[in-house]
Amino acid sequence: MAEKSATKSKPVVLPMARIKTIMRSSAEITNIGQESVYLVARATELFIQHLATEAFKQDPETTDTLAYGDLAEVVNDADNLQFLADVIPKKIVVRDYLRMVRQQEEEKEKAKQQSLQEEREDTDS
């Protein structure tokens, strides 16, 4: 007779069917057990809880709201969360973005002119 686990599993809030669908989308996975779906759901919930807790710590005066800027700050500051940098980027003002683009274009142009100058010097020699 098989023994049942003495530990009770907590119910998960995330939809298990959706998680299973996402897991099936990987070509490498053929069989997915309910236990693994539960573990992925539970781990995801714990990760979200950790991320939210860290974001709340960013602004100690706010107790009832979680702002996007706080999440972006946590992702930007924590090395282990850098994989989320493209998903939760730090917001910047359009003026600053345009300035950054202009600087990059100027740097490219300088590098191009420098390489042309070096080519001319090489052909003159």
PDB file of N, CA and C in Angstrom:
ATOM      1  N   MET A   1       0.836  -1.177   0.000  1.00  0.00           N
ATOM      2  CA  MET A   1       0.000   0.000   0.000  1.00  0.00           C
ATOM      3  C   MET A   1       0.885   1.246   0.000  1.00  0.00           C
ATOM      4  N   ALA A   2       0.605   2.163  -0.888  1.00  0.00           N
ATOM      5  CA  ALA A   2       1.416   3.372  -1.009  1.00  0.00           C
ATOM      6  C   ALA A   2       1.069   4.352   0.096  1.00  0.00           C
ATOM      7  N   GLU A   3       2.108   4.945   0.662  1.00  0.00           N
ATOM      8  CA  GLU A   3       1.893   5.924   1.725  1.00  0.00           C
ATOM      9  C   GLU A   3       1.687   7.298   1.110  1.00  0.00           C
ATOM     10  N   LYS A   4       0.807   8.063   1.740  1.00  0.00           N
ATOM     11  CA  LYS A   4       0.595   9.437   1.295  1.00  0.00           C
ATOM     12  C   LYS A   4       1.599  10.325   1.998  1.00  0.00           C
ATOM     13  N   SER A   5       1.972  11.390   1.344  1.00  0.00           N
ATOM     14  CA  SER A   5       2.927  12.329   1.925  1.00  0.00           C
ATOM     15  C   SER A   5       2.339  12.972   3.164  1.00  0.00           C
ATOM     16  N   ALA A   6       3.154  13.095   4.194  1.00  0.00           N
ATOM     17  CA  ALA A   6       2.688  13.680   5.449  1.00  0.00           C
ATOM     18  C   ALA A   6       2.556  15.193   5.340  1.00  0.00           C
ATOM     19  N   THR A   7       3.267  15.804   4.374  1.00  0.00           N
ATOM     20  CA  THR A   7       3.199  17.252   4.228  1.00  0.00           C
ATOM     21  C   THR A   7       2.012  17.617   3.350  1.00  0.00           C
ATOM     22  N   LYS A   8       1.340  18.679   3.740  1.00  0.00           N
ATOM     23  CA  LYS A   8       0.206  19.162   2.951  1.00  0.00           C
ATOM     24  C   LYS A   8       0.715  20.245   2.022  1.00  0.00           C
ATOM     25  N   SER A   9       0.320  20.160   0.766  1.00  0.00           N
ATOM     26  CA  SER A   9       0.762  21.166  -0.188  1.00  0.00           C
ATOM     27  C   SER A   9      -0.186  22.364  -0.137  1.00  0.00           C
ATOM     28  N   LYS A  10       0.416  23.539  -0.273  1.00  0.00           N
ATOM     29  CA  LYS A  10      -0.364  24.770  -0.282  1.00  0.00           C
ATOM     30  C   LYS A  10      -1.035  24.907  -1.642  1.00  0.00           C
ATOM     31  N   PRO A  11      -2.246  25.424  -1.657  1.00  0.00           N
ATOM     32  CA  PRO A  11      -2.879  25.678  -2.956  1.00  0.00           C
ATOM     33  C   PRO A  11      -2.162  26.831  -3.659  1.00  0.00           C
ATOM     34  N   VAL A  12      -2.122  26.764  -4.956  1.00  0.00           N
ATOM     35  CA  VAL A  12      -1.462  27.812  -5.729  1.00  0.00           C
ATOM     36  C   VAL A  12      -2.512  28.741  -6.323  1.00  0.00           C
ATOM     37  N   VAL A  13      -2.129  29.967  -6.522  1.00  0.00           N
ATOM     38  CA  VAL A  13      -3.035  30.967  -7.066  1.00  0.00           C
ATOM     39  C   VAL A  13      -2.963  31.000  -8.588  1.00  0.00           C
ATOM     40  N   LEU A  14      -1.776  30.768  -9.121  1.00  0.00           N
ATOM     41  CA  LEU A  14      -1.606  30.795 -10.570  1.00  0.00           C
ATOM     42  C   LEU A  14      -2.350  29.621 -11.207  1.00  0.00           C
ATOM     43  N   PRO A  15      -2.895  29.826 -12.409  1.00  0.00           N
ATOM     44  CA  PRO A  15      -3.640  28.752 -13.064  1.00  0.00           C
ATOM     45  C   PRO A  15      -2.706  27.630 -13.536  1.00  0.00           C
ATOM     46  N   MET A  16      -2.914  26.447 -12.970  1.00  0.00           N
ATOM     47  CA  MET A  16      -2.043  25.307 -13.272  1.00  0.00           C
ATOM     48  C   MET A  16      -2.146  24.904 -14.750  1.00  0.00           C
ATOM     49  N   ALA A  17      -3.337  24.996 -15.330  1.00  0.00           N
ATOM     50  CA  ALA A  17      -3.508  24.622 -16.739  1.00  0.00           C
ATOM     51  C   ALA A  17      -2.678  25.529 -17.637  1.00  0.00           C
ATOM     52  N   ARG A  18      -2.631  26.815 -17.329  1.00  0.00           N
ATOM     53  CA  ARG A  18      -1.853  27.769 -18.133  1.00  0.00           C
ATOM     54  C   ARG A  18      -0.365  27.483 -18.007  1.00  0.00           C
ATOM     55  N   ILE A  19       0.059  27.157 -16.793  1.00  0.00           N
ATOM     56  CA  ILE A  19       1.468  26.834 -16.574  1.00  0.00           C
ATOM     57  C   ILE A  19       1.837  25.570 -17.333  1.00  0.00           C
ATOM     58  N   LYS A  20       0.961  24.591 -17.325  1.00  0.00           N
ATOM     59  CA  LYS A  20       1.216  23.354 -18.055  1.00  0.00           C
ATOM     60  C   LYS A  20       1.307  23.631 -19.557  1.00  0.00           C
ATOM     61  N   THR A  21       0.450  24.506 -20.052  1.00  0.00           N
ATOM     62  CA  THR A  21       0.496  24.881 -21.471  1.00  0.00           C
ATOM     63  C   THR A  21       1.822  25.540 -21.816  1.00  0.00           C
ATOM     64  N   ILE A  22       2.278  26.418 -20.946  1.00  0.00           N
ATOM     65  CA  ILE A  22       3.561  27.090 -21.180  1.00  0.00           C
ATOM     66  C   ILE A  22       4.699  26.073 -21.150  1.00  0.00           C
ATOM     67  N   MET A  23       4.633  25.138 -20.213  1.00  0.00           N
ATOM     68  CA  MET A  23       5.679  24.119 -20.127  1.00  0.00           C
ATOM     69  C   MET A  23       5.669  23.223 -21.363  1.00  0.00           C
ATOM     70  N   ARG A  24       4.496  22.927 -21.890  1.00  0.00           N
ATOM     71  CA  ARG A  24       4.387  22.087 -23.098  1.00  0.00           C
ATOM     72  C   ARG A  24       4.924  22.789 -24.334  1.00  0.00           C
ATOM     73  N   SER A  25       4.986  24.107 -24.308  1.00  0.00           N
ATOM     74  CA  SER A  25       5.445  24.843 -25.486  1.00  0.00           C
ATOM     75  C   SER A  25       6.919  24.585 -25.787  1.00  0.00           C
ATOM     76  N   SER A  26       7.637  24.040 -24.827  1.00  0.00           N
ATOM     77  CA  SER A  26       9.033  23.699 -25.060  1.00  0.00           C
ATOM     78  C   SER A  26       9.112  22.394 -25.841  1.00  0.00           C
ATOM     79  N   ALA A  27       9.892  22.387 -26.899  1.00  0.00           N
ATOM     80  CA  ALA A  27      10.013  21.198 -27.740  1.00  0.00           C
ATOM     81  C   ALA A  27      10.749  20.065 -27.032  1.00  0.00           C
ATOM     82  N   GLU A  28      11.534  20.399 -26.023  1.00  0.00           N
ATOM     83  CA  GLU A  28      12.340  19.398 -25.328  1.00  0.00           C
ATOM     84  C   GLU A  28      11.542  18.582 -24.322  1.00  0.00           C
ATOM     85  N   ILE A  29      10.374  19.053 -23.932  1.00  0.00           N
ATOM     86  CA  ILE A  29       9.591  18.388 -22.896  1.00  0.00           C
ATOM     87  C   ILE A  29       8.511  17.535 -23.542  1.00  0.00           C
ATOM     88  N   THR A  30       8.462  16.263 -23.104  1.00  0.00           N
ATOM     89  CA  THR A  30       7.455  15.356 -23.659  1.00  0.00           C
ATOM     90  C   THR A  30       6.368  15.046 -22.640  1.00  0.00           C
ATOM     91  N   ASN A  31       6.746  14.659 -21.435  1.00  0.00           N
ATOM     92  CA  ASN A  31       5.776  14.327 -20.394  1.00  0.00           C
ATOM     93  C   ASN A  31       5.905  15.323 -19.245  1.00  0.00           C
ATOM     94  N   ILE A  32       4.756  15.761 -18.751  1.00  0.00           N
ATOM     95  CA  ILE A  32       4.747  16.708 -17.636  1.00  0.00           C
ATOM     96  C   ILE A  32       3.840  16.146 -16.552  1.00  0.00           C
ATOM     97  N   GLY A  33       4.424  15.879 -15.406  1.00  0.00           N
ATOM     98  CA  GLY A  33       3.648  15.383 -14.282  1.00  0.00           C
ATOM     99  C   GLY A  33       3.003  16.517 -13.511  1.00  0.00           C
ATOM    100  N   GLN A  34       1.919  16.204 -12.829  1.00  0.00           N
ATOM    101  CA  GLN A  34       1.225  17.213 -12.038  1.00  0.00           C
ATOM    102  C   GLN A  34       2.114  17.787 -10.944  1.00  0.00           C
ATOM    103  N   GLU A  35       3.000  16.948 -10.388  1.00  0.00           N
ATOM    104  CA  GLU A  35       3.889  17.430  -9.338  1.00  0.00           C
ATOM    105  C   GLU A  35       4.821  18.504  -9.856  1.00  0.00           C
ATOM    106  N   SER A  36       5.333  18.301 -11.062  1.00  0.00           N
ATOM    107  CA  SER A  36       6.253  19.297 -11.619  1.00  0.00           C
ATOM    108  C   SER A  36       5.517  20.586 -11.967  1.00  0.00           C
ATOM    109  N   VAL A  37       4.280  20.474 -12.429  1.00  0.00           N
ATOM    110  CA  VAL A  37       3.493  21.682 -12.707  1.00  0.00           C
ATOM    111  C   VAL A  37       3.252  22.444 -11.404  1.00  0.00           C
ATOM    112  N   TYR A  38       2.924  21.718 -10.349  1.00  0.00           N
ATOM    113  CA  TYR A  38       2.714  22.346  -9.050  1.00  0.00           C
ATOM    114  C   TYR A  38       3.988  23.037  -8.568  1.00  0.00           C
ATOM    115  N   LEU A  39       5.126  22.351  -8.701  1.00  0.00           N
ATOM    116  CA  LEU A  39       6.389  22.930  -8.237  1.00  0.00           C
ATOM    117  C   LEU A  39       6.748  24.206  -9.007  1.00  0.00           C
ATOM    118  N   VAL A  40       6.525  24.187 -10.316  1.00  0.00           N
ATOM    119  CA  VAL A  40       6.817  25.379 -11.117  1.00  0.00           C
ATOM    120  C   VAL A  40       5.873  26.513 -10.712  1.00  0.00           C
ATOM    121  N   ALA A  41       4.600  26.204 -10.506  1.00  0.00           N
ATOM    122  CA  ALA A  41       3.641  27.230 -10.095  1.00  0.00           C
ATOM    123  C   ALA A  41       4.008  27.808  -8.735  1.00  0.00           C
ATOM    124  N   ARG A  42       4.336  26.934  -7.800  1.00  0.00           N
ATOM    125  CA  ARG A  42       4.685  27.389  -6.447  1.00  0.00           C
ATOM    126  C   ARG A  42       5.972  28.214  -6.460  1.00  0.00           C
ATOM    127  N   ALA A  43       6.976  27.761  -7.219  1.00  0.00           N
ATOM    128  CA  ALA A  43       8.230  28.506  -7.322  1.00  0.00           C
ATOM    129  C   ALA A  43       8.000  29.874  -7.955  1.00  0.00           C
ATOM    130  N   THR A  44       7.128  29.929  -8.945  1.00  0.00           N
ATOM    131  CA  THR A  44       6.815  31.202  -9.592  1.00  0.00           C
ATOM    132  C   THR A  44       6.142  32.148  -8.618  1.00  0.00           C
ATOM    133  N   GLU A  45       5.217  31.627  -7.839  1.00  0.00           N
ATOM    134  CA  GLU A  45       4.554  32.465  -6.844  1.00  0.00           C
ATOM    135  C   GLU A  45       5.535  32.985  -5.800  1.00  0.00           C
ATOM    136  N   LEU A  46       6.450  32.144  -5.360  1.00  0.00           N
ATOM    137  CA  LEU A  46       7.450  32.583  -4.386  1.00  0.00           C
ATOM    138  C   LEU A  46       8.373  33.635  -4.991  1.00  0.00           C
ATOM    139  N   PHE A  47       8.710  33.470  -6.261  1.00  0.00           N
ATOM    140  CA  PHE A  47       9.553  34.453  -6.937  1.00  0.00           C
ATOM    141  C   PHE A  47       8.829  35.794  -7.036  1.00  0.00           C
ATOM    142  N   ILE A  48       7.559  35.763  -7.403  1.00  0.00           N
ATOM    143  CA  ILE A  48       6.782  36.999  -7.500  1.00  0.00           C
ATOM    144  C   ILE A  48       6.676  37.661  -6.132  1.00  0.00           C
ATOM    145  N   GLN A  49       6.480  36.865  -5.117  1.00  0.00           N
ATOM    146  CA  GLN A  49       6.403  37.393  -3.748  1.00  0.00           C
ATOM    147  C   GLN A  49       7.722  38.060  -3.355  1.00  0.00           C
ATOM    148  N   HIS A  50       8.833  37.417  -3.676  1.00  0.00           N
ATOM    149  CA  HIS A  50      10.150  37.986  -3.371  1.00  0.00           C
ATOM    150  C   HIS A  50      10.347  39.301  -4.118  1.00  0.00           C
ATOM    151  N   LEU A  51      10.009  39.311  -5.398  1.00  0.00           N
ATOM    152  CA  LEU A  51      10.170  40.520  -6.209  1.00  0.00           C
ATOM    153  C   LEU A  51       9.317  41.655  -5.662  1.00  0.00           C
ATOM    154  N   ALA A  52       8.085  41.357  -5.296  1.00  0.00           N
ATOM    155  CA  ALA A  52       7.196  42.388  -4.752  1.00  0.00           C
ATOM    156  C   ALA A  52       7.698  42.892  -3.402  1.00  0.00           C
ATOM    157  N   THR A  53       8.172  41.987  -2.567  1.00  0.00           N
ATOM    158  CA  THR A  53       8.691  42.390  -1.252  1.00  0.00           C
ATOM    159  C   THR A  53       9.884  43.317  -1.401  1.00  0.00           C
ATOM    160  N   GLU A  54      10.786  42.969  -2.287  1.00  0.00           N
ATOM    161  CA  GLU A  54      11.956  43.819  -2.522  1.00  0.00           C
ATOM    162  C   GLU A  54      11.542  45.170  -3.105  1.00  0.00           C
ATOM    163  N   ALA A  55      10.536  45.190  -3.965  1.00  0.00           N
ATOM    164  CA  ALA A  55      10.077  46.449  -4.552  1.00  0.00           C
ATOM    165  C   ALA A  55       9.428  47.334  -3.498  1.00  0.00           C
ATOM    166  N   PHE A  56       8.683  46.719  -2.572  1.00  0.00           N
ATOM    167  CA  PHE A  56       8.082  47.506  -1.486  1.00  0.00           C
ATOM    168  C   PHE A  56       9.153  48.146  -0.615  1.00  0.00           C
ATOM    169  N   LYS A  57      10.285  47.490  -0.460  1.00  0.00           N
ATOM    170  CA  LYS A  57      11.371  48.039   0.350  1.00  0.00           C
ATOM    171  C   LYS A  57      11.993  49.274  -0.301  1.00  0.00           C
ATOM    172  N   GLN A  58      11.810  49.459  -1.611  1.00  0.00           N
ATOM    173  CA  GLN A  58      12.382  50.601  -2.314  1.00  0.00           C
ATOM    174  C   GLN A  58      11.783  51.921  -1.827  1.00  0.00           C
ATOM    175  N   ASP A  59      10.496  51.903  -1.498  1.00  0.00           N
ATOM    176  CA  ASP A  59       9.815  53.114  -1.050  1.00  0.00           C
ATOM    177  C   ASP A  59       9.112  52.818   0.266  1.00  0.00           C
ATOM    178  N   PRO A  60       9.814  52.994   1.389  1.00  0.00           N
ATOM    179  CA  PRO A  60       9.242  52.621   2.686  1.00  0.00           C
ATOM    180  C   PRO A  60       8.017  53.439   3.097  1.00  0.00           C
ATOM    181  N   GLU A  61       7.840  54.620   2.522  1.00  0.00           N
ATOM    182  CA  GLU A  61       6.691  55.445   2.871  1.00  0.00           C
ATOM    183  C   GLU A  61       5.386  54.891   2.305  1.00  0.00           C
ATOM    184  N   THR A  62       5.457  54.194   1.187  1.00  0.00           N
ATOM    185  CA  THR A  62       4.268  53.628   0.565  1.00  0.00           C
ATOM    186  C   THR A  62       4.016  52.245   1.146  1.00  0.00           C
ATOM    187  N   THR A  63       2.814  52.032   1.629  1.00  0.00           N
ATOM    188  CA  THR A  63       2.501  50.746   2.245  1.00  0.00           C
ATOM    189  C   THR A  63       1.436  49.966   1.494  1.00  0.00           C
ATOM    190  N   ASP A  64       0.708  50.636   0.600  1.00  0.00           N
ATOM    191  CA  ASP A  64      -0.403  49.946  -0.026  1.00  0.00           C
ATOM    192  C   ASP A  64      -0.321  49.842  -1.544  1.00  0.00           C
ATOM    193  N   THR A  65       0.693  50.417  -2.149  1.00  0.00           N
ATOM    194  CA  THR A  65       0.811  50.344  -3.606  1.00  0.00           C
ATOM    195  C   THR A  65       2.210  49.911  -4.016  1.00  0.00           C
ATOM    196  N   LEU A  66       2.255  49.297  -5.154  1.00  0.00           N
ATOM    197  CA  LEU A  66       3.526  48.866  -5.728  1.00  0.00           C
ATOM    198  C   LEU A  66       3.671  49.565  -7.067  1.00  0.00           C
ATOM    199  N   ALA A  67       4.677  50.392  -7.204  1.00  0.00           N
ATOM    200  CA  ALA A  67       4.869  51.180  -8.412  1.00  0.00           C
ATOM    201  C   ALA A  67       5.832  50.477  -9.365  1.00  0.00           C
ATOM    202  N   TYR A  68       5.618  50.716 -10.650  1.00  0.00           N
ATOM    203  CA  TYR A  68       6.484  50.142 -11.679  1.00  0.00           C
ATOM    204  C   TYR A  68       7.933  50.555 -11.461  1.00  0.00           C
ATOM    205  N   GLY A  69       8.129  51.799 -11.100  1.00  0.00           N
ATOM    206  CA  GLY A  69       9.485  52.307 -10.880  1.00  0.00           C
ATOM    207  C   GLY A  69      10.222  51.531  -9.797  1.00  0.00           C
ATOM    208  N   ASP A  70       9.494  51.115  -8.772  1.00  0.00           N
ATOM    209  CA  ASP A  70      10.116  50.330  -7.705  1.00  0.00           C
ATOM    210  C   ASP A  70      10.559  48.963  -8.219  1.00  0.00           C
ATOM    211  N   LEU A  71       9.711  48.334  -9.023  1.00  0.00           N
ATOM    212  CA  LEU A  71      10.084  47.043  -9.621  1.00  0.00           C
ATOM    213  C   LEU A  71      11.305  47.204 -10.524  1.00  0.00           C
ATOM    214  N   ALA A  72      11.279  48.240 -11.350  1.00  0.00           N
ATOM    215  CA  ALA A  72      12.398  48.475 -12.269  1.00  0.00           C
ATOM    216  C   ALA A  72      13.679  48.738 -11.500  1.00  0.00           C
ATOM    217  N   GLU A  73      13.579  49.434 -10.389  1.00  0.00           N
ATOM    218  CA  GLU A  73      14.750  49.726  -9.561  1.00  0.00           C
ATOM    219  C   GLU A  73      15.342  48.448  -8.978  1.00  0.00           C
ATOM    220  N   VAL A  74      14.473  47.565  -8.497  1.00  0.00           N
ATOM    221  CA  VAL A  74      14.942  46.289  -7.941  1.00  0.00           C
ATOM    222  C   VAL A  74      15.646  45.475  -9.023  1.00  0.00           C
ATOM    223  N   VAL A  75      15.040  45.406 -10.199  1.00  0.00           N
ATOM    224  CA  VAL A  75      15.633  44.640 -11.301  1.00  0.00           C
ATOM    225  C   VAL A  75      16.961  45.250 -11.719  1.00  0.00           C
ATOM    226  N   ASN A  76      17.028  46.557 -11.753  1.00  0.00           N
ATOM    227  CA  ASN A  76      18.251  47.242 -12.164  1.00  0.00           C
ATOM    228  C   ASN A  76      19.375  47.080 -11.143  1.00  0.00           C
ATOM    229  N   ASP A  77      19.034  47.050  -9.850  1.00  0.00           N
ATOM    230  CA  ASP A  77      20.041  47.008  -8.792  1.00  0.00           C
ATOM    231  C   ASP A  77      20.544  45.596  -8.487  1.00  0.00           C
ATOM    232  N   ALA A  78      19.680  44.599  -8.571  1.00  0.00           N
ATOM    233  CA  ALA A  78      20.051  43.235  -8.174  1.00  0.00           C
ATOM    234  C   ALA A  78      20.683  42.486  -9.343  1.00  0.00           C
ATOM    235  N   ASP A  79      21.887  41.973  -9.122  1.00  0.00           N
ATOM    236  CA  ASP A  79      22.582  41.231 -10.178  1.00  0.00           C
ATOM    237  C   ASP A  79      21.833  39.968 -10.569  1.00  0.00           C
ATOM    238  N   ASN A  80      21.203  39.298  -9.597  1.00  0.00           N
ATOM    239  CA  ASN A  80      20.519  38.044  -9.907  1.00  0.00           C
ATOM    240  C   ASN A  80      19.188  38.258 -10.615  1.00  0.00           C
ATOM    241  N   LEU A  81      18.768  39.503 -10.804  1.00  0.00           N
ATOM    242  CA  LEU A  81      17.526  39.792 -11.517  1.00  0.00           C
ATOM    243  C   LEU A  81      17.770  40.466 -12.867  1.00  0.00           C
ATOM    244  N   GLN A  82      19.010  40.506 -13.303  1.00  0.00           N
ATOM    245  CA  GLN A  82      19.336  41.167 -14.559  1.00  0.00           C
ATOM    246  C   GLN A  82      18.660  40.519 -15.768  1.00  0.00           C
ATOM    247  N   PHE A  83      18.264  39.257 -15.650  1.00  0.00           N
ATOM    248  CA  PHE A  83      17.583  38.604 -16.763  1.00  0.00           C
ATOM    249  C   PHE A  83      16.219  39.244 -17.027  1.00  0.00           C
ATOM    250  N   LEU A  84      15.722  40.046 -16.112  1.00  0.00           N
ATOM    251  CA  LEU A  84      14.446  40.744 -16.286  1.00  0.00           C
ATOM    252  C   LEU A  84      14.624  42.167 -16.804  1.00  0.00           C
ATOM    253  N   ALA A  85      15.838  42.577 -17.052  1.00  0.00           N
ATOM    254  CA  ALA A  85      16.097  43.967 -17.445  1.00  0.00           C
ATOM    255  C   ALA A  85      15.375  44.356 -18.731  1.00  0.00           C
ATOM    256  N   ASP A  86      15.200  43.428 -19.662  1.00  0.00           N
ATOM    257  CA  ASP A  86      14.480  43.732 -20.900  1.00  0.00           C
ATOM    258  C   ASP A  86      12.973  43.727 -20.694  1.00  0.00           C
ATOM    259  N   VAL A  87      12.509  42.972 -19.720  1.00  0.00           N
ATOM    260  CA  VAL A  87      11.077  42.861 -19.461  1.00  0.00           C
ATOM    261  C   VAL A  87      10.580  44.020 -18.605  1.00  0.00           C
ATOM    262  N   ILE A  88      11.380  44.415 -17.622  1.00  0.00           N
ATOM    263  CA  ILE A  88      11.018  45.514 -16.717  1.00  0.00           C
ATOM    264  C   ILE A  88      12.139  46.554 -16.765  1.00  0.00           C
ATOM    265  N   PRO A  89      12.245  47.275 -17.875  1.00  0.00           N
ATOM    266  CA  PRO A  89      13.323  48.268 -17.964  1.00  0.00           C
ATOM    267  C   PRO A  89      13.013  49.497 -17.123  1.00  0.00           C
ATOM    268  N   LYS A  90      14.065  50.175 -16.750  1.00  0.00           N
ATOM    269  CA  LYS A  90      13.913  51.426 -16.010  1.00  0.00           C
ATOM    270  C   LYS A  90      13.384  52.477 -16.977  1.00  0.00           C
ATOM    271  N   LYS A  91      12.370  53.202 -16.544  1.00  0.00           N
ATOM    272  CA  LYS A  91      11.783  54.226 -17.412  1.00  0.00           C
ATOM    273  C   LYS A  91      12.736  55.409 -17.538  1.00  0.00           C
ATOM    274  N   ILE A  92      12.794  55.951 -18.751  1.00  0.00           N
ATOM    275  CA  ILE A  92      13.576  57.157 -18.971  1.00  0.00           C
ATOM    276  C   ILE A  92      12.714  58.147 -19.744  1.00  0.00           C
ATOM    277  N   VAL A  93      13.051  59.406 -19.615  1.00  0.00           N
ATOM    278  CA  VAL A  93      12.338  60.467 -20.301  1.00  0.00           C
ATOM    279  C   VAL A  93      12.790  60.468 -21.761  1.00  0.00           C
ATOM    280  N   VAL A  94      11.870  60.802 -22.661  1.00  0.00           N
ATOM    281  CA  VAL A  94      12.166  60.802 -24.094  1.00  0.00           C
ATOM    282  C   VAL A  94      13.362  61.692 -24.397  1.00  0.00           C
ATOM    283  N   ARG A  95      13.432  62.816 -23.755  1.00  0.00           N
ATOM    284  CA  ARG A  95      14.548  63.751 -23.971  1.00  0.00           C
ATOM    285  C   ARG A  95      15.887  63.058 -23.679  1.00  0.00           C
ATOM    286  N   ASP A  96      15.947  62.300 -22.571  1.00  0.00           N
ATOM    287  CA  ASP A  96      17.173  61.591 -22.218  1.00  0.00           C
ATOM    288  C   ASP A  96      17.473  60.479 -23.221  1.00  0.00           C
ATOM    289  N   TYR A  97      16.427  59.786 -23.666  1.00  0.00           N
ATOM    290  CA  TYR A  97      16.614  58.720 -24.656  1.00  0.00           C
ATOM    291  C   TYR A  97      17.172  59.290 -25.956  1.00  0.00           C
ATOM    292  N   LEU A  98      16.598  60.389 -26.416  1.00  0.00           N
ATOM    293  CA  LEU A  98      17.081  61.011 -27.653  1.00  0.00           C
ATOM    294  C   LEU A  98      18.526  61.479 -27.510  1.00  0.00           C
ATOM    295  N   ARG A  99      18.875  61.983 -26.337  1.00  0.00           N
ATOM    296  CA  ARG A  99      20.255  62.399 -26.086  1.00  0.00           C
ATOM    297  C   ARG A  99      21.193  61.187 -26.169  1.00  0.00           C
ATOM    298  N   MET A 100      20.765  60.058 -25.585  1.00  0.00           N
ATOM    299  CA  MET A 100      21.586  58.840 -25.627  1.00  0.00           C
ATOM    300  C   MET A 100      21.762  58.353 -27.068  1.00  0.00           C
ATOM    301  N   VAL A 101      20.692  58.389 -27.860  1.00  0.00           N
ATOM    302  CA  VAL A 101      20.767  57.961 -29.264  1.00  0.00           C
ATOM    303  C   VAL A 101      21.706  58.873 -30.031  1.00  0.00           C
ATOM    304  N   ARG A 102      21.592  60.170 -29.804  1.00  0.00           N
ATOM    305  CA  ARG A 102      22.465  61.126 -30.482  1.00  0.00           C
ATOM    306  C   ARG A 102      23.937  60.880 -30.135  1.00  0.00           C
ATOM    307  N   GLN A 103      24.214  60.611 -28.851  1.00  0.00           N
ATOM    308  CA  GLN A 103      25.584  60.331 -28.434  1.00  0.00           C
ATOM    309  C   GLN A 103      26.115  59.068 -29.103  1.00  0.00           C
ATOM    310  N   GLN A 104      25.286  58.036 -29.192  1.00  0.00           N
ATOM    311  CA  GLN A 104      25.716  56.800 -29.838  1.00  0.00           C
ATOM    312  C   GLN A 104      26.018  57.033 -31.310  1.00  0.00           C
ATOM    313  N   GLU A 105      25.172  57.830 -31.981  1.00  0.00           N
ATOM    314  CA  GLU A 105      25.409  58.141 -33.389  1.00  0.00           C
ATOM    315  C   GLU A 105      26.700  58.925 -33.562  1.00  0.00           C
ATOM    316  N   GLU A 106      26.951  59.872 -32.661  1.00  0.00           N
ATOM    317  CA  GLU A 106      28.189  60.656 -32.728  1.00  0.00           C
ATOM    318  C   GLU A 106      29.409  59.774 -32.511  1.00  0.00           C
ATOM    319  N   GLU A 107      29.309  58.836 -31.572  1.00  0.00           N
ATOM    320  CA  GLU A 107      30.424  57.928 -31.319  1.00  0.00           C
ATOM    321  C   GLU A 107      30.687  57.033 -32.523  1.00  0.00           C
ATOM    322  N   LYS A 108      29.624  56.571 -33.168  1.00  0.00           N
ATOM    323  CA  LYS A 108      29.781  55.749 -34.374  1.00  0.00           C
ATOM    324  C   LYS A 108      30.438  56.555 -35.484  1.00  0.00           C
ATOM    325  N   GLU A 109      30.001  57.794 -35.629  1.00  0.00           N
ATOM    326  CA  GLU A 109      30.564  58.653 -36.665  1.00  0.00           C
ATOM    327  C   GLU A 109      32.043  58.932 -36.401  1.00  0.00           C
ATOM    328  N   LYS A 110      32.399  59.180 -35.130  1.00  0.00           N
ATOM    329  CA  LYS A 110      33.803  59.406 -34.778  1.00  0.00           C
ATOM    330  C   LYS A 110      34.637  58.163 -35.069  1.00  0.00           C
ATOM    331  N   ALA A 111      34.106  56.997 -34.711  1.00  0.00           N
ATOM    332  CA  ALA A 111      34.829  55.754 -34.959  1.00  0.00           C
ATOM    333  C   ALA A 111      35.003  55.526 -36.461  1.00  0.00           C
ATOM    334  N   LYS A 112      33.984  55.854 -37.233  1.00  0.00           N
ATOM    335  CA  LYS A 112      34.058  55.700 -38.694  1.00  0.00           C
ATOM    336  C   LYS A 112      35.113  56.642 -39.276  1.00  0.00           C
ATOM    337  N   GLN A 113      35.104  57.887 -38.812  1.00  0.00           N
ATOM    338  CA  GLN A 113      36.087  58.855 -39.300  1.00  0.00           C
ATOM    339  C   GLN A 113      37.500  58.452 -38.893  1.00  0.00           C
ATOM    340  N   GLN A 114      37.631  57.909 -37.690  1.00  0.00           N
ATOM    341  CA  GLN A 114      38.941  57.485 -37.218  1.00  0.00           C
ATOM    342  C   GLN A 114      39.466  56.318 -38.051  1.00  0.00           C
ATOM    343  N   SER A 115      38.588  55.377 -38.393  1.00  0.00           N
ATOM    344  CA  SER A 115      39.036  54.245 -39.213  1.00  0.00           C
ATOM    345  C   SER A 115      39.386  54.708 -40.618  1.00  0.00           C
ATOM    346  N   LEU A 116      38.646  55.668 -41.168  1.00  0.00           N
ATOM    347  CA  LEU A 116      38.982  56.221 -42.484  1.00  0.00           C
ATOM    348  C   LEU A 116      40.326  56.941 -42.441  1.00  0.00           C
ATOM    349  N   GLN A 117      40.572  57.666 -41.361  1.00  0.00           N
ATOM    350  CA  GLN A 117      41.844  58.367 -41.187  1.00  0.00           C
ATOM    351  C   GLN A 117      43.000  57.379 -41.128  1.00  0.00           C
ATOM    352  N   GLU A 118      42.792  56.281 -40.397  1.00  0.00           N
ATOM    353  CA  GLU A 118      43.833  55.256 -40.290  1.00  0.00           C
ATOM    354  C   GLU A 118      44.082  54.594 -41.642  1.00  0.00           C
ATOM    355  N   GLU A 119      43.037  54.382 -42.428  1.00  0.00           N
ATOM    356  CA  GLU A 119      43.206  53.795 -43.764  1.00  0.00           C
ATOM    357  C   GLU A 119      43.997  54.721 -44.659  1.00  0.00           C
ATOM    358  N   ARG A 120      43.707  56.032 -44.576  1.00  0.00           N
ATOM    359  CA  ARG A 120      44.455  57.004 -45.384  1.00  0.00           C
ATOM    360  C   ARG A 120      45.929  57.017 -45.006  1.00  0.00           C
ATOM    361  N   GLU A 121      46.189  56.949 -43.705  1.00  0.00           N
ATOM    362  CA  GLU A 121      47.577  56.947 -43.245  1.00  0.00           C
ATOM    363  C   GLU A 121      48.299  55.701 -43.725  1.00  0.00           C
ATOM    364  N   ASP A 122      47.602  54.559 -43.747  1.00  0.00           N
ATOM    365  CA  ASP A 122      48.197  53.307 -44.199  1.00  0.00           C
ATOM    366  C   ASP A 122      48.494  53.347 -45.697  1.00  0.00           C
ATOM    367  N   THR A 123      47.592  53.950 -46.472  1.00  0.00           N
ATOM    368  CA  THR A 123      47.830  54.022 -47.923  1.00  0.00           C
ATOM    369  C   THR A 123      48.896  55.048 -48.262  1.00  0.00           C
ATOM    370  N   ASP A 124      49.050  56.076 -47.462  1.00  0.00           N
ATOM    371  CA  ASP A 124      50.077  57.094 -47.693  1.00  0.00           C
ATOM    372  C   ASP A 124      51.481  56.538 -47.397  1.00  0.00           C
ATOM    373  N   SER A 125      51.570  55.570 -46.530  1.00  0.00           N
ATOM    374  CA  SER A 125      52.878  55.034 -46.139  1.00  0.00           C
ATOM    375  C   SER A 125      53.499  54.193 -47.203  1.00  0.00           C
TER     376      SER A 125
END
